[in-house]
Amino acid sequence: MAMRVPNLGETELLVPLHDGVFEQPMWHTFLARLMRVAEARGAAILLQSGKETVRLCTGDLALPAALGELRFGRAYAPEELGGACHAIRLPGEGGLSAVLLVDSGEGGISGLLTALAPHFTVALKVLAGLERERARSEMSAEAFARLDFGWIGLDAKGRIVDADAQAERMLRESGLLARGAYNRLVPADPAIDRQLTALVKDFAAKPKARPRAINLSHDPWIDILVAPLRLEALAGGKDAVAVVYLRGDRSSSETRAEQLVDLFDLTPSEARMAWSMAQGLSIAEAAAEHGLTIETARNYSKKIYAKTGARGQVDLVRHVLTGVLALA
């Protein structure tokens, strides 16, 4: 059997139909070509989701009044709608549907709409999928922002070539990292600046070198992980050789202690001790930080483990840093 080659009309309409979900405004090219192919005065797509309707229109088109009563998949002629439009209603997913309309035009419009229907249904499924992923991405981005993660791309000279919104905020507000001369990333601590410069230079020469973690501040807690950029595609055509991942806490240790009091019914002293231990300090280090004896600190730690349900310091870190407190 010989392969069927699509005719010019199909190609002219189907390519922009499927590409239209990525166009702004959506389906602009498709509607313009549909109007030209049908020799019509106008063409439109009505996207419907619940009570909300988005109208995408090209040319001069008057909408019929009874579009909500159309059956899915059936092409309607103008005389059935009491106007000048041909129309077909198409199902989508997740409550999304669409009405495709063509105002008057030459004969055979109903047949054209029927032929386009299965392709448009697929395009609607793609649109619904994109909207779901966009919503999930926004939720993930919000959670990511609440966790105060960010990233900065650096070239071999330590200059910033790219950064996400979270990193930009931390550059403006933390005071621990800043944009220096020639857009260079400059830590406030000269020793960390030298360490970062050496790491970036090393990563430029050895892309498989292991990432290094550096603590910038204990209160509020801010860490960075400096890693080689191993996927060239992520550089976006720029000269990035390293990426700096930032994890910063918006809240002070005192605020975190207050939140631990609320979460686990700790006393204020226990909560301050718990937060220090969750940051990786040993019982002896936490005791020294808070002016406690070792014996008192050990008694606090036993009460902290009992109230939080943690089986040890590692478990306490998990309870505190991966629970809802991380989103506060």
Foldseek 3Di string as FASTA:
>chain_A
DDDDDDDPLCVQQLVLLLVQLVDVVGSPSNFVSVCVVQVFQKKWKWKDAPPDIDIDIDGDDDDQDPPVPADALAWDACVVRVHQKIWHKHDEPPRIIMIIITGHGDPPPRVVCNVCRVSNRVSRNVNVVVVVVVVVVVVVVLQCVLLLKWKFFAALQQATPDIDPSVVVCQVPVQQWHQDPPRHIAGPDVVVRVVVNVVSNVLVVPVPDAWDKDWRDVFFTKIKIKHFDPDPVVCVPDRTGIMIMMGTDPHTLQVQLVVCCVVQVADSVLSSLLSVLLVPDDLVRSCVVVVHDSVVSVVSVVVVCVRQVAPDSVSSNCSRCVDCVSSD
